[in-house]
Amino acid sequence: MSRIRVVIADDHLVVRTGFAELLDTQPDFEVAGTAADGAEAVRSCRELSPDVVLMDVRMPGMSGIEATRLLAGPEGPRVLILTTFDLDEYVYDALRAGASGFLLKDVTAERLFDAVRVIAAGEALLAPAVTRRLIGEFARIGPRKGPAAASLARLTPRETQVLRLVAEGLSNPEIATRLVVTEETVKTHVSRVLNKLGLRDRTQAVVTAYETGLVVPGERA
């Protein structure tokens, strides 16, 4: 069985140890390493090539946001942000920096396991309620500087439509129902969208759709 390699970055030893012990109970996880700050997290990831990084936001020296930005890219690990505060301002910055989702530090063991597996599979760790709040935040702060809207010209009309639906928070089965196509067809479209725009996962697709103005808060695809 293929194991998911994880690096845990947090400046509190008890947090690093606790998450490591929990993950070690699962046969499909391997804790490849730990880090006490952002700079160490970047070094560890470049040396160990993990699949997923559990990244604290607030660490001395290099923050988790800056570390995420340095690790972001199609070939980099997927970053799961650890935070004490539910969707605080730093989480939005982390998502824009390239994080794939976020997790509260008081999460249950089962939720932690599910989150790591979801992120490793390239899916978005944004539940519908969270997606709505993220969209609400975009509506509140307005567009920020992001990828040029011209980059969307690489997409076909159908791919653009699928991106809109992903940004609306729909799952692949829901998109398949909306477009009257198979789920496999939707997966193919999503994969092509991510490849053409240089994105790693659905979370980044949602951020891109709003930052480029393809989707406006309150507008339905």
N, C-alpha and C. Protein backbone atom coordinates (compact mmCIF):
# COMPACT_ATOMS: atom_id res chain seq x y z
N MET A 1 0.85 -1.20 0.00
CA MET A 1 0.00 0.00 0.00
C MET A 1 0.88 1.25 0.00
N SER A 2 0.57 2.18 -0.88
CA SER A 2 1.32 3.43 -0.94
C SER A 2 1.04 4.24 0.32
N ARG A 3 2.09 4.74 0.93
CA ARG A 3 1.94 5.51 2.17
C ARG A 3 2.05 7.00 1.88
N ILE A 4 1.29 7.78 2.63
CA ILE A 4 1.30 9.23 2.50
C ILE A 4 2.37 9.79 3.43
N ARG A 5 3.37 10.43 2.85
CA ARG A 5 4.47 10.98 3.64
C ARG A 5 4.11 12.40 4.11
N VAL A 6 4.29 12.63 5.41
CA VAL A 6 3.86 13.88 6.02
C VAL A 6 5.01 14.54 6.77
N VAL A 7 5.11 15.86 6.65
CA VAL A 7 5.99 16.67 7.48
C VAL A 7 5.11 17.56 8.35
N ILE A 8 5.45 17.67 9.63
CA ILE A 8 4.65 18.47 10.57
C ILE A 8 5.48 19.68 10.99
N ALA A 9 4.97 20.89 10.74
CA ALA A 9 5.69 22.12 11.08
C ALA A 9 4.88 22.93 12.09
N ASP A 10 5.42 23.03 13.28
CA ASP A 10 4.77 23.80 14.35
C ASP A 10 5.84 24.15 15.38
N ASP A 11 5.78 25.37 15.93
CA ASP A 11 6.82 25.76 16.88
C ASP A 11 6.61 25.19 18.28
N HIS A 12 5.48 24.53 18.51
CA HIS A 12 5.24 23.91 19.81
C HIS A 12 5.52 22.41 19.73
N LEU A 13 6.45 21.96 20.54
CA LEU A 13 6.85 20.56 20.54
C LEU A 13 5.69 19.63 20.82
N VAL A 14 4.81 20.02 21.75
CA VAL A 14 3.70 19.15 22.11
C VAL A 14 2.74 18.96 20.93
N VAL A 15 2.59 19.98 20.12
CA VAL A 15 1.72 19.88 18.94
C VAL A 15 2.35 18.95 17.91
N ARG A 16 3.63 19.16 17.64
CA ARG A 16 4.33 18.31 16.67
C ARG A 16 4.28 16.85 17.11
N THR A 17 4.56 16.62 18.38
CA THR A 17 4.59 15.26 18.91
C THR A 17 3.21 14.63 18.87
N GLY A 18 2.21 15.41 19.26
CA GLY A 18 0.85 14.89 19.30
C GLY A 18 0.34 14.47 17.94
N PHE A 19 0.54 15.34 16.94
CA PHE A 19 0.10 15.00 15.59
C PHE A 19 0.89 13.82 15.03
N ALA A 20 2.18 13.79 15.31
CA ALA A 20 3.01 12.69 14.81
C ALA A 20 2.55 11.36 15.39
N GLU A 21 2.26 11.34 16.70
CA GLU A 21 1.81 10.10 17.33
C GLU A 21 0.47 9.64 16.77
N LEU A 22 -0.42 10.59 16.51
CA LEU A 22 -1.71 10.23 15.93
C LEU A 22 -1.55 9.65 14.53
N LEU A 23 -0.76 10.34 13.70
CA LEU A 23 -0.59 9.88 12.32
C LEU A 23 0.10 8.52 12.26
N ASP A 24 1.00 8.26 13.20
CA ASP A 24 1.72 6.99 13.23
C ASP A 24 0.82 5.80 13.53
N THR A 25 -0.40 6.06 14.00
CA THR A 25 -1.32 4.94 14.29
C THR A 25 -1.96 4.41 13.02
N GLN A 26 -1.80 5.14 11.90
CA GLN A 26 -2.46 4.75 10.64
C GLN A 26 -1.46 4.09 9.70
N PRO A 27 -1.79 2.93 9.16
CA PRO A 27 -0.84 2.21 8.31
C PRO A 27 -0.51 2.90 6.99
N ASP A 28 -1.38 3.82 6.55
CA ASP A 28 -1.13 4.49 5.27
C ASP A 28 -0.42 5.83 5.42
N PHE A 29 0.02 6.17 6.64
CA PHE A 29 0.75 7.41 6.88
C PHE A 29 2.19 7.12 7.29
N GLU A 30 3.09 8.02 6.90
CA GLU A 30 4.47 7.97 7.36
C GLU A 30 4.90 9.40 7.70
N VAL A 31 5.25 9.63 8.96
CA VAL A 31 5.73 10.95 9.37
C VAL A 31 7.20 11.02 8.95
N ALA A 32 7.45 11.75 7.86
CA ALA A 32 8.81 11.81 7.31
C ALA A 32 9.72 12.73 8.11
N GLY A 33 9.12 13.72 8.79
CA GLY A 33 9.94 14.65 9.56
C GLY A 33 9.09 15.71 10.23
N THR A 34 9.72 16.53 11.07
CA THR A 34 9.04 17.63 11.74
C THR A 34 9.92 18.88 11.63
N ALA A 35 9.30 20.03 11.87
CA ALA A 35 10.02 21.30 11.79
C ALA A 35 9.45 22.26 12.82
N ALA A 36 10.33 23.12 13.37
CA ALA A 36 9.91 24.05 14.42
C ALA A 36 9.64 25.46 13.90
N ASP A 37 9.93 25.72 12.63
CA ASP A 37 9.64 27.03 12.06
C ASP A 37 9.53 26.89 10.54
N GLY A 38 9.18 28.00 9.90
CA GLY A 38 8.97 27.95 8.47
C GLY A 38 10.20 27.61 7.67
N ALA A 39 11.34 28.18 8.03
CA ALA A 39 12.57 27.92 7.29
C ALA A 39 12.94 26.44 7.37
N GLU A 40 12.81 25.87 8.56
CA GLU A 40 13.11 24.45 8.71
C GLU A 40 12.12 23.59 7.94
N ALA A 41 10.88 24.04 7.88
CA ALA A 41 9.86 23.31 7.12
C ALA A 41 10.23 23.27 5.64
N VAL A 42 10.68 24.40 5.10
CA VAL A 42 11.07 24.45 3.69
C VAL A 42 12.25 23.52 3.44
N ARG A 43 13.26 23.58 4.32
CA ARG A 43 14.43 22.70 4.15
C ARG A 43 14.02 21.23 4.22
N SER A 44 13.19 20.91 5.19
CA SER A 44 12.78 19.51 5.37
C SER A 44 12.02 19.00 4.17
N CYS A 45 11.13 19.84 3.65
CA CYS A 45 10.32 19.42 2.50
C CYS A 45 11.18 19.21 1.26
N ARG A 46 12.17 20.07 1.08
CA ARG A 46 13.03 19.93 -0.09
C ARG A 46 13.93 18.71 0.02
N GLU A 47 14.25 18.31 1.25
CA GLU A 47 15.10 17.14 1.45
C GLU A 47 14.28 15.84 1.45
N LEU A 48 13.08 15.90 2.01
CA LEU A 48 12.30 14.68 2.24
C LEU A 48 11.19 14.43 1.22
N SER A 49 10.82 15.45 0.45
CA SER A 49 9.76 15.33 -0.57
C SER A 49 8.50 14.68 -0.03
N PRO A 50 7.87 15.27 1.00
CA PRO A 50 6.62 14.71 1.52
C PRO A 50 5.46 14.97 0.58
N ASP A 51 4.38 14.26 0.81
CA ASP A 51 3.16 14.49 0.03
C ASP A 51 2.34 15.63 0.62
N VAL A 52 2.36 15.71 1.96
CA VAL A 52 1.54 16.69 2.68
C VAL A 52 2.37 17.33 3.79
N VAL A 53 2.15 18.63 4.00
CA VAL A 53 2.77 19.34 5.13
C VAL A 53 1.66 19.89 6.01
N LEU A 54 1.71 19.56 7.30
CA LEU A 54 0.84 20.20 8.28
C LEU A 54 1.59 21.43 8.74
N MET A 55 1.11 22.62 8.37
CA MET A 55 1.85 23.86 8.55
C MET A 55 1.17 24.83 9.50
N ASP A 56 1.84 25.13 10.61
CA ASP A 56 1.34 26.17 11.50
C ASP A 56 1.48 27.52 10.82
N VAL A 57 0.58 28.45 11.12
CA VAL A 57 0.65 29.77 10.51
C VAL A 57 1.66 30.66 11.23
N ARG A 58 1.54 30.72 12.54
CA ARG A 58 2.34 31.66 13.32
C ARG A 58 3.52 30.95 13.97
N MET A 59 4.69 31.14 13.38
CA MET A 59 5.91 30.56 13.91
C MET A 59 6.99 31.63 13.93
N PRO A 60 7.98 31.53 14.83
CA PRO A 60 9.05 32.53 14.88
C PRO A 60 9.88 32.50 13.60
N GLY A 61 10.44 33.65 13.23
CA GLY A 61 11.22 33.68 12.00
C GLY A 61 10.30 33.65 10.80
N MET A 62 10.54 32.71 9.90
CA MET A 62 9.71 32.58 8.71
C MET A 62 8.35 32.02 9.08
N SER A 63 7.28 32.71 8.69
CA SER A 63 5.93 32.26 9.02
C SER A 63 5.52 31.09 8.14
N GLY A 64 4.43 30.45 8.54
CA GLY A 64 3.89 29.36 7.74
C GLY A 64 3.41 29.83 6.39
N ILE A 65 2.95 31.09 6.31
CA ILE A 65 2.48 31.63 5.04
C ILE A 65 3.63 31.78 4.06
N GLU A 66 4.74 32.33 4.51
CA GLU A 66 5.89 32.49 3.63
C GLU A 66 6.46 31.14 3.23
N ALA A 67 6.50 30.20 4.17
CA ALA A 67 6.98 28.86 3.85
C ALA A 67 6.08 28.20 2.81
N THR A 68 4.78 28.40 2.95
CA THR A 68 3.83 27.86 1.98
C THR A 68 4.08 28.44 0.61
N ARG A 69 4.32 29.75 0.55
CA ARG A 69 4.57 30.41 -0.73
C ARG A 69 5.82 29.84 -1.40
N LEU A 70 6.85 29.54 -0.63
CA LEU A 70 8.09 29.00 -1.18
C LEU A 70 7.92 27.56 -1.65
N LEU A 71 7.00 26.84 -1.03
CA LEU A 71 6.80 25.44 -1.38
C LEU A 71 5.74 25.25 -2.46
N ALA A 72 4.99 26.30 -2.74
CA ALA A 72 3.88 26.19 -3.68
C ALA A 72 4.38 25.87 -5.09
N GLY A 73 3.58 25.14 -5.82
CA GLY A 73 3.91 24.77 -7.19
C GLY A 73 3.39 23.39 -7.49
N PRO A 74 3.20 23.08 -8.76
CA PRO A 74 2.64 21.78 -9.13
C PRO A 74 3.41 20.59 -8.58
N GLU A 75 4.73 20.73 -8.40
CA GLU A 75 5.55 19.61 -7.92
C GLU A 75 5.76 19.64 -6.42
N GLY A 76 5.31 20.68 -5.75
CA GLY A 76 5.55 20.80 -4.32
C GLY A 76 4.55 19.99 -3.51
N PRO A 77 4.79 19.86 -2.20
CA PRO A 77 3.85 19.14 -1.34
C PRO A 77 2.58 19.95 -1.18
N ARG A 78 1.51 19.28 -0.83
CA ARG A 78 0.26 19.99 -0.53
C ARG A 78 0.31 20.43 0.93
N VAL A 79 -0.09 21.67 1.15
CA VAL A 79 0.03 22.27 2.48
C VAL A 79 -1.34 22.34 3.14
N LEU A 80 -1.40 21.78 4.34
CA LEU A 80 -2.60 21.83 5.16
C LEU A 80 -2.30 22.73 6.34
N ILE A 81 -2.93 23.89 6.37
CA ILE A 81 -2.65 24.89 7.40
C ILE A 81 -3.27 24.50 8.74
N LEU A 82 -2.47 24.62 9.79
CA LEU A 82 -2.95 24.40 11.15
C LEU A 82 -3.20 25.76 11.78
N THR A 83 -4.35 25.95 12.37
CA THR A 83 -4.66 27.23 12.98
C THR A 83 -5.48 27.04 14.25
N THR A 84 -5.31 27.96 15.18
CA THR A 84 -6.09 27.95 16.42
C THR A 84 -7.41 28.65 16.22
N PHE A 85 -7.44 29.58 15.27
CA PHE A 85 -8.63 30.40 15.06
C PHE A 85 -9.33 30.01 13.77
N ASP A 86 -10.60 29.81 13.85
CA ASP A 86 -11.40 29.38 12.71
C ASP A 86 -11.44 30.47 11.63
N LEU A 87 -10.75 30.21 10.52
CA LEU A 87 -10.75 31.12 9.37
C LEU A 87 -10.33 32.55 9.72
N ASP A 88 -9.23 32.69 10.44
CA ASP A 88 -8.75 34.04 10.72
C ASP A 88 -8.10 34.61 9.46
N GLU A 89 -7.66 35.86 9.54
CA GLU A 89 -7.14 36.54 8.36
C GLU A 89 -5.94 35.83 7.77
N TYR A 90 -5.16 35.15 8.62
CA TYR A 90 -3.97 34.48 8.13
C TYR A 90 -4.32 33.29 7.24
N VAL A 91 -5.45 32.67 7.50
CA VAL A 91 -5.85 31.52 6.70
C VAL A 91 -6.10 31.94 5.26
N TYR A 92 -6.74 33.08 5.05
CA TYR A 92 -6.99 33.56 3.69
C TYR A 92 -5.67 33.84 2.97
N ASP A 93 -4.73 34.45 3.68
CA ASP A 93 -3.42 34.72 3.09
C ASP A 93 -2.71 33.41 2.74
N ALA A 94 -2.87 32.41 3.60
CA ALA A 94 -2.23 31.12 3.35
C ALA A 94 -2.83 30.43 2.14
N LEU A 95 -4.14 30.51 1.98
CA LEU A 95 -4.78 29.92 0.80
C LEU A 95 -4.27 30.58 -0.47
N ARG A 96 -4.12 31.90 -0.44
CA ARG A 96 -3.61 32.61 -1.61
C ARG A 96 -2.14 32.29 -1.86
N ALA A 97 -1.43 31.93 -0.79
CA ALA A 97 -0.01 31.59 -0.94
C ALA A 97 0.18 30.21 -1.55
N GLY A 98 -0.89 29.40 -1.55
CA GLY A 98 -0.78 28.08 -2.16
C GLY A 98 -1.22 26.93 -1.28
N ALA A 99 -1.77 27.23 -0.10
CA ALA A 99 -2.23 26.15 0.77
C ALA A 99 -3.45 25.46 0.17
N SER A 100 -3.61 24.20 0.50
CA SER A 100 -4.72 23.42 -0.05
C SER A 100 -5.93 23.37 0.87
N GLY A 101 -5.79 23.85 2.08
CA GLY A 101 -6.91 23.83 3.01
C GLY A 101 -6.44 24.18 4.40
N PHE A 102 -7.33 24.09 5.37
CA PHE A 102 -6.93 24.42 6.73
C PHE A 102 -7.59 23.47 7.71
N LEU A 103 -6.98 23.39 8.89
CA LEU A 103 -7.45 22.48 9.93
C LEU A 103 -7.25 23.14 11.28
N LEU A 104 -8.26 23.07 12.12
CA LEU A 104 -8.11 23.61 13.48
C LEU A 104 -7.27 22.66 14.33
N LYS A 105 -6.47 23.22 15.24
CA LYS A 105 -5.56 22.40 16.03
C LYS A 105 -6.29 21.50 17.02
N ASP A 106 -7.54 21.82 17.34
CA ASP A 106 -8.29 20.96 18.27
C ASP A 106 -9.09 19.90 17.53
N VAL A 107 -8.69 19.58 16.33
CA VAL A 107 -9.38 18.62 15.49
C VAL A 107 -9.36 17.23 16.12
N THR A 108 -10.39 16.43 15.85
CA THR A 108 -10.42 15.05 16.31
C THR A 108 -9.45 14.21 15.49
N ALA A 109 -9.08 13.07 16.01
CA ALA A 109 -8.15 12.19 15.31
C ALA A 109 -8.70 11.78 13.95
N GLU A 110 -9.96 11.38 13.91
CA GLU A 110 -10.55 10.93 12.65
C GLU A 110 -10.60 12.05 11.62
N ARG A 111 -10.91 13.25 12.07
CA ARG A 111 -10.94 14.39 11.15
C ARG A 111 -9.54 14.68 10.61
N LEU A 112 -8.54 14.54 11.47
CA LEU A 112 -7.15 14.73 11.04
C LEU A 112 -6.79 13.73 9.96
N PHE A 113 -7.11 12.46 10.19
CA PHE A 113 -6.79 11.42 9.21
C PHE A 113 -7.48 11.69 7.88
N ASP A 114 -8.77 12.03 7.95
CA ASP A 114 -9.53 12.31 6.74
C ASP A 114 -8.94 13.50 5.98
N ALA A 115 -8.55 14.53 6.73
CA ALA A 115 -8.02 15.74 6.12
C ALA A 115 -6.73 15.45 5.36
N VAL A 116 -5.84 14.70 5.95
CA VAL A 116 -4.57 14.38 5.31
C VAL A 116 -4.82 13.57 4.04
N ARG A 117 -5.74 12.61 4.11
CA ARG A 117 -6.04 11.79 2.93
C ARG A 117 -6.67 12.61 1.82
N VAL A 118 -7.58 13.52 2.19
CA VAL A 118 -8.24 14.37 1.20
C VAL A 118 -7.22 15.27 0.50
N ILE A 119 -6.35 15.90 1.28
CA ILE A 119 -5.35 16.79 0.72
C ILE A 119 -4.37 16.01 -0.17
N ALA A 120 -3.95 14.84 0.29
CA ALA A 120 -3.00 14.03 -0.48
C ALA A 120 -3.60 13.62 -1.83
N ALA A 121 -4.92 13.44 -1.87
CA ALA A 121 -5.59 13.03 -3.10
C ALA A 121 -5.82 14.19 -4.06
N GLY A 122 -5.46 15.41 -3.62
CA GLY A 122 -5.61 16.57 -4.49
C GLY A 122 -6.97 17.23 -4.42
N GLU A 123 -7.78 16.83 -3.45
CA GLU A 123 -9.09 17.45 -3.30
C GLU A 123 -8.99 18.68 -2.40
N ALA A 124 -10.03 19.48 -2.38
CA ALA A 124 -10.06 20.68 -1.55
C ALA A 124 -10.57 20.34 -0.15
N LEU A 125 -9.90 20.87 0.85
CA LEU A 125 -10.38 20.68 2.21
C LEU A 125 -11.20 21.92 2.59
N LEU A 126 -12.29 22.10 1.89
CA LEU A 126 -13.20 23.21 2.14
C LEU A 126 -14.62 22.67 2.11
N ALA A 127 -15.18 22.46 3.27
CA ALA A 127 -16.55 21.99 3.35
C ALA A 127 -17.47 23.08 2.81
N PRO A 128 -18.69 22.72 2.38
CA PRO A 128 -19.60 23.73 1.83
C PRO A 128 -19.75 24.98 2.70
N ALA A 129 -19.86 24.79 4.01
CA ALA A 129 -20.03 25.96 4.89
C ALA A 129 -18.79 26.84 4.86
N VAL A 130 -17.63 26.21 4.80
CA VAL A 130 -16.38 26.97 4.74
C VAL A 130 -16.26 27.68 3.40
N THR A 131 -16.64 26.99 2.34
CA THR A 131 -16.59 27.60 1.01
C THR A 131 -17.46 28.86 0.96
N ARG A 132 -18.65 28.78 1.55
CA ARG A 132 -19.54 29.94 1.57
C ARG A 132 -18.89 31.10 2.32
N ARG A 133 -18.21 30.80 3.42
CA ARG A 133 -17.58 31.86 4.20
C ARG A 133 -16.37 32.43 3.47
N LEU A 134 -15.64 31.56 2.76
CA LEU A 134 -14.51 32.03 1.97
C LEU A 134 -15.00 32.97 0.88
N ILE A 135 -16.09 32.60 0.23
CA ILE A 135 -16.68 33.44 -0.80
C ILE A 135 -17.14 34.77 -0.19
N GLY A 136 -17.71 34.67 1.01
CA GLY A 136 -18.13 35.88 1.69
C GLY A 136 -16.97 36.81 1.98
N GLU A 137 -15.82 36.23 2.29
CA GLU A 137 -14.63 37.05 2.54
C GLU A 137 -14.18 37.74 1.26
N PHE A 138 -14.22 37.04 0.13
CA PHE A 138 -13.89 37.67 -1.14
C PHE A 138 -14.83 38.84 -1.41
N ALA A 139 -16.10 38.64 -1.09
CA ALA A 139 -17.08 39.71 -1.31
C ALA A 139 -16.78 40.92 -0.43
N ARG A 140 -16.31 40.64 0.79
CA ARG A 140 -16.04 41.73 1.74
C ARG A 140 -14.81 42.53 1.37
N ILE A 141 -13.73 41.86 1.02
CA ILE A 141 -12.47 42.55 0.79
C ILE A 141 -12.27 42.98 -0.66
N GLY A 142 -13.08 42.41 -1.57
CA GLY A 142 -12.92 42.75 -2.97
C GLY A 142 -11.75 42.00 -3.58
N PRO A 143 -11.58 42.09 -4.90
CA PRO A 143 -10.52 41.34 -5.57
C PRO A 143 -9.14 41.83 -5.17
N ARG A 144 -8.21 40.87 -5.08
CA ARG A 144 -6.82 41.20 -4.83
C ARG A 144 -6.02 40.86 -6.08
N LYS A 145 -4.80 41.33 -6.08
CA LYS A 145 -3.95 41.01 -7.22
C LYS A 145 -3.71 39.51 -7.28
N GLY A 146 -4.02 38.91 -8.39
CA GLY A 146 -3.85 37.47 -8.55
C GLY A 146 -3.44 37.14 -9.96
N PRO A 147 -3.59 35.88 -10.35
CA PRO A 147 -3.21 35.48 -11.71
C PRO A 147 -3.98 36.31 -12.73
N ALA A 148 -3.32 36.66 -13.81
CA ALA A 148 -3.95 37.49 -14.84
C ALA A 148 -5.16 36.77 -15.41
N ALA A 149 -6.24 37.54 -15.59
CA ALA A 149 -7.46 36.96 -16.14
C ALA A 149 -7.20 36.39 -17.53
N ALA A 150 -6.17 36.90 -18.20
CA ALA A 150 -5.85 36.41 -19.55
C ALA A 150 -5.48 34.94 -19.54
N SER A 151 -5.00 34.45 -18.39
CA SER A 151 -4.61 33.04 -18.30
C SER A 151 -5.81 32.12 -18.52
N LEU A 152 -7.00 32.63 -18.26
CA LEU A 152 -8.21 31.82 -18.44
C LEU A 152 -8.51 31.58 -19.91
N ALA A 153 -7.87 32.33 -20.79
CA ALA A 153 -8.09 32.15 -22.22
C ALA A 153 -7.60 30.79 -22.69
N ARG A 154 -6.77 30.15 -21.87
CA ARG A 154 -6.27 28.81 -22.23
C ARG A 154 -7.36 27.75 -22.11
N LEU A 155 -8.41 28.08 -21.38
CA LEU A 155 -9.46 27.11 -21.13
C LEU A 155 -10.49 27.08 -22.26
N THR A 156 -11.04 25.90 -22.51
CA THR A 156 -12.16 25.79 -23.45
C THR A 156 -13.42 26.31 -22.76
N PRO A 157 -14.48 26.58 -23.50
CA PRO A 157 -15.72 27.03 -22.87
C PRO A 157 -16.23 26.04 -21.82
N ARG A 158 -16.13 24.75 -22.09
CA ARG A 158 -16.60 23.74 -21.13
C ARG A 158 -15.72 23.74 -19.89
N GLU A 159 -14.41 23.88 -20.05
CA GLU A 159 -13.51 23.92 -18.90
C GLU A 159 -13.77 25.15 -18.05
N THR A 160 -14.07 26.26 -18.72
CA THR A 160 -14.40 27.48 -17.98
C THR A 160 -15.67 27.29 -17.17
N GLN A 161 -16.65 26.61 -17.76
CA GLN A 161 -17.90 26.33 -17.07
C GLN A 161 -17.65 25.44 -15.85
N VAL A 162 -16.81 24.44 -16.02
CA VAL A 162 -16.49 23.54 -14.91
C VAL A 162 -15.77 24.31 -13.79
N LEU A 163 -14.86 25.20 -14.16
CA LEU A 163 -14.16 26.00 -13.16
C LEU A 163 -15.15 26.85 -12.36
N ARG A 164 -16.12 27.42 -13.04
CA ARG A 164 -17.14 28.21 -12.35
C ARG A 164 -17.89 27.37 -11.31
N LEU A 165 -18.21 26.14 -11.69
CA LEU A 165 -18.97 25.26 -10.79
C LEU A 165 -18.10 24.79 -9.62
N VAL A 166 -16.83 24.56 -9.89
CA VAL A 166 -15.90 24.21 -8.80
C VAL A 166 -15.85 25.37 -7.80
N ALA A 167 -15.77 26.60 -8.32
CA ALA A 167 -15.73 27.78 -7.46
C ALA A 167 -17.01 27.97 -6.68
N GLU A 168 -18.11 27.46 -7.24
CA GLU A 168 -19.39 27.54 -6.54
C GLU A 168 -19.44 26.57 -5.37
N GLY A 169 -18.47 25.63 -5.33
CA GLY A 169 -18.40 24.67 -4.23
C GLY A 169 -19.00 23.32 -4.55
N LEU A 170 -19.32 23.07 -5.82
CA LEU A 170 -19.93 21.79 -6.19
C LEU A 170 -18.89 20.68 -6.26
N SER A 171 -19.30 19.49 -5.88
CA SER A 171 -18.44 18.30 -5.99
C SER A 171 -18.50 17.77 -7.41
N ASN A 172 -17.63 16.82 -7.73
CA ASN A 172 -17.66 16.23 -9.08
C ASN A 172 -19.01 15.60 -9.42
N PRO A 173 -19.61 14.81 -8.52
CA PRO A 173 -20.93 14.26 -8.83
C PRO A 173 -21.99 15.33 -9.06
N GLU A 174 -21.92 16.42 -8.28
CA GLU A 174 -22.89 17.50 -8.45
C GLU A 174 -22.68 18.22 -9.78
N ILE A 175 -21.43 18.41 -10.17
CA ILE A 175 -21.15 19.04 -11.46
C ILE A 175 -21.63 18.14 -12.59
N ALA A 176 -21.40 16.83 -12.44
CA ALA A 176 -21.85 15.88 -13.47
C ALA A 176 -23.36 15.96 -13.66
N THR A 177 -24.09 16.06 -12.55
CA THR A 177 -25.55 16.17 -12.62
C THR A 177 -25.96 17.48 -13.28
N ARG A 178 -25.29 18.57 -12.90
CA ARG A 178 -25.63 19.89 -13.45
C ARG A 178 -25.41 19.93 -14.97
N LEU A 179 -24.31 19.30 -15.43
CA LEU A 179 -23.95 19.38 -16.85
C LEU A 179 -24.46 18.18 -17.66
N VAL A 180 -25.06 17.21 -16.95
CA VAL A 180 -25.56 15.99 -17.60
C VAL A 180 -24.43 15.28 -18.35
N VAL A 181 -23.35 15.02 -17.62
CA VAL A 181 -22.22 14.26 -18.15
C VAL A 181 -21.80 13.25 -17.08
N THR A 182 -20.86 12.39 -17.40
CA THR A 182 -20.40 11.42 -16.42
C THR A 182 -19.43 12.07 -15.44
N GLU A 183 -19.29 11.45 -14.28
CA GLU A 183 -18.35 11.96 -13.28
C GLU A 183 -16.92 11.88 -13.81
N GLU A 184 -16.63 10.84 -14.58
CA GLU A 184 -15.29 10.69 -15.16
C GLU A 184 -14.97 11.84 -16.10
N THR A 185 -15.98 12.29 -16.85
CA THR A 185 -15.79 13.43 -17.75
C THR A 185 -15.46 14.69 -16.95
N VAL A 186 -16.15 14.86 -15.83
CA VAL A 186 -15.89 16.02 -14.97
C VAL A 186 -14.46 15.96 -14.43
N LYS A 187 -14.04 14.79 -13.98
CA LYS A 187 -12.67 14.64 -13.47
C LYS A 187 -11.65 15.03 -14.52
N THR A 188 -11.92 14.63 -15.77
CA THR A 188 -11.01 14.98 -16.86
C THR A 188 -10.95 16.48 -17.06
N HIS A 189 -12.11 17.14 -17.05
CA HIS A 189 -12.14 18.60 -17.22
C HIS A 189 -11.41 19.30 -16.08
N VAL A 190 -11.65 18.85 -14.85
CA VAL A 190 -11.00 19.48 -13.70
C VAL A 190 -9.49 19.32 -13.81
N SER A 191 -9.05 18.14 -14.17
CA SER A 191 -7.61 17.88 -14.32
C SER A 191 -6.99 18.79 -15.37
N ARG A 192 -7.69 18.99 -16.48
CA ARG A 192 -7.18 19.86 -17.53
C ARG A 192 -7.14 21.31 -17.10
N VAL A 193 -8.14 21.73 -16.33
CA VAL A 193 -8.15 23.11 -15.81
C VAL A 193 -6.94 23.33 -14.91
N LEU A 194 -6.70 22.40 -14.01
CA LEU A 194 -5.57 22.54 -13.08
C LEU A 194 -4.25 22.56 -13.84
N ASN A 195 -4.12 21.69 -14.82
CA ASN A 195 -2.87 21.63 -15.59
C ASN A 195 -2.64 22.90 -16.39
N LYS A 196 -3.67 23.39 -17.04
CA LYS A 196 -3.53 24.58 -17.89
C LYS A 196 -3.21 25.83 -17.08
N LEU A 197 -3.76 25.91 -15.86
CA LEU A 197 -3.56 27.10 -15.03
C LEU A 197 -2.42 26.93 -14.03
N GLY A 198 -1.77 25.75 -14.05
CA GLY A 198 -0.65 25.52 -13.14
C GLY A 198 -1.06 25.44 -11.68
N LEU A 199 -2.26 24.89 -11.43
CA LEU A 199 -2.79 24.79 -10.08
C LEU A 199 -2.68 23.36 -9.57
N ARG A 200 -2.60 23.21 -8.25
CA ARG A 200 -2.44 21.88 -7.69
C ARG A 200 -3.74 21.19 -7.35
N ASP A 201 -4.76 21.96 -6.98
CA ASP A 201 -5.98 21.33 -6.48
C ASP A 201 -7.17 22.26 -6.58
N ARG A 202 -8.31 21.77 -6.13
CA ARG A 202 -9.56 22.52 -6.27
C ARG A 202 -9.57 23.79 -5.42
N THR A 203 -8.89 23.76 -4.29
CA THR A 203 -8.85 24.96 -3.46
C THR A 203 -8.24 26.11 -4.24
N GLN A 204 -7.12 25.84 -4.91
CA GLN A 204 -6.48 26.88 -5.69
C GLN A 204 -7.34 27.30 -6.88
N ALA A 205 -8.13 26.37 -7.41
CA ALA A 205 -9.04 26.71 -8.50
C ALA A 205 -10.10 27.69 -8.02
N VAL A 206 -10.62 27.49 -6.81
CA VAL A 206 -11.62 28.40 -6.25
C VAL A 206 -11.02 29.79 -6.08
N VAL A 207 -9.83 29.87 -5.49
CA VAL A 207 -9.18 31.16 -5.28
C VAL A 207 -8.94 31.86 -6.62
N THR A 208 -8.44 31.12 -7.61
CA THR A 208 -8.17 31.70 -8.92
C THR A 208 -9.43 32.23 -9.59
N ALA A 209 -10.52 31.47 -9.49
CA ALA A 209 -11.76 31.88 -10.12
C ALA A 209 -12.25 33.22 -9.58
N TYR A 210 -12.09 33.43 -8.28
CA TYR A 210 -12.54 34.69 -7.69
C TYR A 210 -11.55 35.81 -7.92
N GLU A 211 -10.26 35.51 -7.83
CA GLU A 211 -9.27 36.57 -7.98
C GLU A 211 -9.18 37.09 -9.41
N THR A 212 -9.48 36.25 -10.38
CA THR A 212 -9.45 36.71 -11.77
C THR A 212 -10.75 37.39 -12.17
N GLY A 213 -11.76 37.32 -11.30
CA GLY A 213 -13.03 37.92 -11.63
C GLY A 213 -13.93 37.03 -12.48
N LEU A 214 -13.49 35.77 -12.69
CA LEU A 214 -14.33 34.85 -13.46
C LEU A 214 -15.66 34.63 -12.74
N VAL A 215 -15.60 34.55 -11.43
CA VAL A 215 -16.79 34.39 -10.61
C VAL A 215 -16.88 35.56 -9.65
N VAL A 216 -18.06 36.12 -9.54
CA VAL A 216 -18.32 37.23 -8.63
C VAL A 216 -19.15 36.73 -7.46
N PRO A 217 -18.78 37.06 -6.22
CA PRO A 217 -19.57 36.62 -5.08
C PRO A 217 -21.05 36.92 -5.25
N GLY A 218 -21.87 35.91 -5.02
CA GLY A 218 -23.31 36.07 -5.16
C GLY A 218 -23.81 35.64 -6.51
N GLU A 219 -22.90 35.46 -7.46
CA GLU A 219 -23.26 35.05 -8.80
C GLU A 219 -23.23 33.53 -8.90
N ARG A 220 -24.18 32.93 -9.56
CA ARG A 220 -24.20 31.49 -9.76
C ARG A 220 -23.76 31.17 -11.17
N ALA A 221 -23.03 30.01 -11.28
CA ALA A 221 -22.54 29.61 -12.61
C ALA A 221 -23.69 29.17 -13.49
